[in-house]
Amino acid sequence: MSAVLTRADLEQITGRKHFSKMCEWLDQAGIPYRKRVDGKSVLTWHVFDQALLKGGTSKPDFDWFKKAV
């Protein structure tokens, strides 16, 4: 498994296909990420896992996660 989430990973997690919409979702969930020069988001599994454990920086809605488990 790669340390960086793939586009498919981000699509599955956010439910969005466009990177701009993925970024909006990540922002709303309070999950930090970096944006590449081409506008694509970059996020590692470690950062994502830590955000889930901490609940993000805001109050994210993780109902999607509960349904997936």
N, C-alpha and C. Protein backbone atom coordinates (compact mmCIF):
# COMPACT_ATOMS: atom_id res chain seq x y z
N MET A 1 0.84 -1.18 0.00
CA MET A 1 0.00 0.00 0.00
C MET A 1 0.89 1.24 0.00
N SER A 2 0.56 2.17 -0.84
CA SER A 2 1.30 3.43 -0.93
C SER A 2 0.96 4.32 0.25
N ALA A 3 1.90 5.16 0.64
CA ALA A 3 1.66 6.09 1.74
C ALA A 3 0.72 7.21 1.32
N VAL A 4 0.62 7.47 0.01
CA VAL A 4 -0.22 8.55 -0.51
C VAL A 4 -1.53 7.97 -1.03
N LEU A 5 -2.64 8.62 -0.71
CA LEU A 5 -3.93 8.16 -1.22
C LEU A 5 -3.96 8.35 -2.73
N THR A 6 -4.49 7.36 -3.42
CA THR A 6 -4.63 7.45 -4.87
C THR A 6 -5.90 8.21 -5.21
N ARG A 7 -6.05 8.54 -6.48
CA ARG A 7 -7.27 9.19 -6.92
C ARG A 7 -8.49 8.32 -6.58
N ALA A 8 -8.36 7.01 -6.80
CA ALA A 8 -9.46 6.09 -6.48
C ALA A 8 -9.78 6.12 -4.99
N ASP A 9 -8.75 6.18 -4.15
CA ASP A 9 -8.96 6.28 -2.70
C ASP A 9 -9.74 7.54 -2.36
N LEU A 10 -9.30 8.67 -2.93
CA LEU A 10 -9.97 9.94 -2.65
C LEU A 10 -11.40 9.94 -3.16
N GLU A 11 -11.64 9.33 -4.32
CA GLU A 11 -13.01 9.22 -4.84
C GLU A 11 -13.89 8.41 -3.91
N GLN A 12 -13.35 7.29 -3.42
CA GLN A 12 -14.14 6.43 -2.53
C GLN A 12 -14.43 7.14 -1.20
N ILE A 13 -13.44 7.82 -0.66
CA ILE A 13 -13.59 8.49 0.64
C ILE A 13 -14.54 9.68 0.55
N THR A 14 -14.34 10.51 -0.49
CA THR A 14 -15.12 11.76 -0.58
C THR A 14 -16.43 11.60 -1.34
N GLY A 15 -16.50 10.58 -2.19
CA GLY A 15 -17.69 10.43 -3.03
C GLY A 15 -17.71 11.43 -4.18
N ARG A 16 -16.56 12.06 -4.45
CA ARG A 16 -16.45 13.07 -5.51
C ARG A 16 -15.47 12.59 -6.57
N LYS A 17 -15.67 13.03 -7.81
CA LYS A 17 -14.78 12.63 -8.90
C LYS A 17 -13.80 13.74 -9.29
N HIS A 18 -14.17 15.00 -9.08
CA HIS A 18 -13.30 16.12 -9.45
C HIS A 18 -12.47 16.55 -8.25
N PHE A 19 -11.19 16.84 -8.50
CA PHE A 19 -10.30 17.18 -7.41
C PHE A 19 -10.76 18.42 -6.65
N SER A 20 -11.35 19.39 -7.33
CA SER A 20 -11.82 20.60 -6.64
C SER A 20 -12.92 20.24 -5.63
N LYS A 21 -13.78 19.31 -6.00
CA LYS A 21 -14.84 18.86 -5.09
C LYS A 21 -14.29 18.01 -3.96
N MET A 22 -13.24 17.21 -4.27
CA MET A 22 -12.58 16.43 -3.22
C MET A 22 -11.99 17.37 -2.18
N CYS A 23 -11.35 18.45 -2.65
CA CYS A 23 -10.76 19.43 -1.74
C CYS A 23 -11.82 20.10 -0.88
N GLU A 24 -12.96 20.43 -1.48
CA GLU A 24 -14.06 21.01 -0.70
C GLU A 24 -14.50 20.06 0.40
N TRP A 25 -14.63 18.79 0.06
CA TRP A 25 -15.05 17.79 1.05
C TRP A 25 -14.03 17.68 2.17
N LEU A 26 -12.74 17.59 1.80
CA LEU A 26 -11.69 17.49 2.80
C LEU A 26 -11.67 18.73 3.70
N ASP A 27 -11.87 19.91 3.11
CA ASP A 27 -11.93 21.15 3.90
C ASP A 27 -13.08 21.08 4.91
N GLN A 28 -14.25 20.67 4.44
CA GLN A 28 -15.43 20.60 5.33
C GLN A 28 -15.24 19.56 6.42
N ALA A 29 -14.51 18.50 6.12
CA ALA A 29 -14.28 17.44 7.10
C ALA A 29 -13.14 17.79 8.05
N GLY A 30 -12.42 18.88 7.75
CA GLY A 30 -11.32 19.28 8.61
C GLY A 30 -10.09 18.40 8.45
N ILE A 31 -9.94 17.80 7.29
CA ILE A 31 -8.80 16.92 7.03
C ILE A 31 -7.76 17.70 6.23
N PRO A 32 -6.56 17.86 6.79
CA PRO A 32 -5.54 18.64 6.10
C PRO A 32 -4.94 17.88 4.92
N TYR A 33 -4.60 18.61 3.89
CA TYR A 33 -3.99 18.06 2.68
C TYR A 33 -3.16 19.15 2.03
N ARG A 34 -2.40 18.78 1.05
CA ARG A 34 -1.63 19.74 0.26
C ARG A 34 -2.18 19.72 -1.16
N LYS A 35 -2.09 20.86 -1.82
CA LYS A 35 -2.55 20.96 -3.19
C LYS A 35 -1.34 21.08 -4.10
N ARG A 36 -1.29 20.23 -5.12
CA ARG A 36 -0.20 20.28 -6.08
C ARG A 36 -0.40 21.46 -7.01
N VAL A 37 0.61 21.77 -7.81
CA VAL A 37 0.55 22.88 -8.75
C VAL A 37 -0.60 22.71 -9.74
N ASP A 38 -0.90 21.46 -10.10
CA ASP A 38 -1.98 21.20 -11.06
C ASP A 38 -3.37 21.18 -10.41
N GLY A 39 -3.44 21.51 -9.11
CA GLY A 39 -4.72 21.58 -8.42
C GLY A 39 -5.18 20.29 -7.77
N LYS A 40 -4.44 19.22 -7.95
CA LYS A 40 -4.82 17.93 -7.36
C LYS A 40 -4.38 17.89 -5.90
N SER A 41 -5.20 17.26 -5.09
CA SER A 41 -4.89 17.17 -3.67
C SER A 41 -3.97 15.98 -3.39
N VAL A 42 -3.11 16.16 -2.40
CA VAL A 42 -2.20 15.11 -1.98
C VAL A 42 -2.39 14.91 -0.49
N LEU A 43 -2.58 13.68 -0.10
CA LEU A 43 -2.87 13.35 1.29
C LEU A 43 -2.28 11.98 1.58
N THR A 44 -1.64 11.85 2.72
CA THR A 44 -1.09 10.54 3.08
C THR A 44 -2.10 9.80 3.96
N TRP A 45 -1.97 8.49 3.97
CA TRP A 45 -2.84 7.68 4.82
C TRP A 45 -2.62 8.02 6.29
N HIS A 46 -1.38 8.33 6.66
CA HIS A 46 -1.10 8.67 8.05
C HIS A 46 -1.87 9.91 8.47
N VAL A 47 -1.84 10.96 7.65
CA VAL A 47 -2.57 12.19 7.97
C VAL A 47 -4.07 11.92 8.02
N PHE A 48 -4.57 11.14 7.07
CA PHE A 48 -5.99 10.81 7.05
C PHE A 48 -6.40 10.04 8.30
N ASP A 49 -5.61 9.04 8.66
CA ASP A 49 -5.90 8.24 9.87
C ASP A 49 -5.88 9.11 11.12
N GLN A 50 -4.89 10.00 11.22
CA GLN A 50 -4.80 10.89 12.38
C GLN A 50 -6.01 11.81 12.45
N ALA A 51 -6.46 12.31 11.31
CA ALA A 51 -7.64 13.18 11.28
C ALA A 51 -8.87 12.42 11.74
N LEU A 52 -9.00 11.14 11.35
CA LEU A 52 -10.13 10.34 11.82
C LEU A 52 -10.08 10.14 13.32
N LEU A 53 -8.88 9.89 13.85
CA LEU A 53 -8.74 9.68 15.29
C LEU A 53 -9.04 10.95 16.08
N LYS A 54 -8.63 12.09 15.54
CA LYS A 54 -8.83 13.37 16.23
C LYS A 54 -10.19 13.98 15.92
N GLY A 55 -10.84 13.47 14.88
CA GLY A 55 -12.11 14.04 14.48
C GLY A 55 -11.94 15.26 13.60
N GLY A 56 -10.78 15.45 12.98
CA GLY A 56 -10.55 16.59 12.12
C GLY A 56 -10.38 17.86 12.94
N THR A 57 -10.25 18.98 12.26
CA THR A 57 -10.07 20.25 12.96
C THR A 57 -11.41 20.92 13.20
N SER A 58 -12.45 20.47 12.51
CA SER A 58 -13.80 20.97 12.74
C SER A 58 -14.66 19.79 13.14
N LYS A 59 -15.96 19.89 12.97
CA LYS A 59 -16.83 18.76 13.30
C LYS A 59 -17.28 18.08 12.01
N PRO A 60 -16.48 17.13 11.53
CA PRO A 60 -16.83 16.45 10.29
C PRO A 60 -17.96 15.46 10.49
N ASP A 61 -18.60 15.14 9.39
CA ASP A 61 -19.66 14.15 9.39
C ASP A 61 -19.08 12.86 8.84
N PHE A 62 -18.86 11.86 9.70
CA PHE A 62 -18.26 10.62 9.29
C PHE A 62 -19.29 9.51 9.15
N ASP A 63 -20.55 9.86 8.86
CA ASP A 63 -21.56 8.84 8.66
C ASP A 63 -21.20 7.90 7.51
N TRP A 64 -20.53 8.44 6.47
CA TRP A 64 -20.12 7.62 5.35
C TRP A 64 -19.20 6.51 5.82
N PHE A 65 -18.36 6.81 6.82
CA PHE A 65 -17.41 5.83 7.31
C PHE A 65 -18.12 4.73 8.08
N LYS A 66 -19.11 5.11 8.86
CA LYS A 66 -19.86 4.13 9.66
C LYS A 66 -20.61 3.17 8.73
N LYS A 67 -21.13 3.70 7.63
CA LYS A 67 -21.87 2.86 6.69
C LYS A 67 -20.96 1.91 5.94
N ALA A 68 -19.70 2.33 5.72
CA ALA A 68 -18.75 1.51 4.95
C ALA A 68 -18.20 0.36 5.77
N VAL A 69 -18.25 0.46 7.08
CA VAL A 69 -17.65 -0.56 7.95
C VAL A 69 -18.62 -1.68 8.20
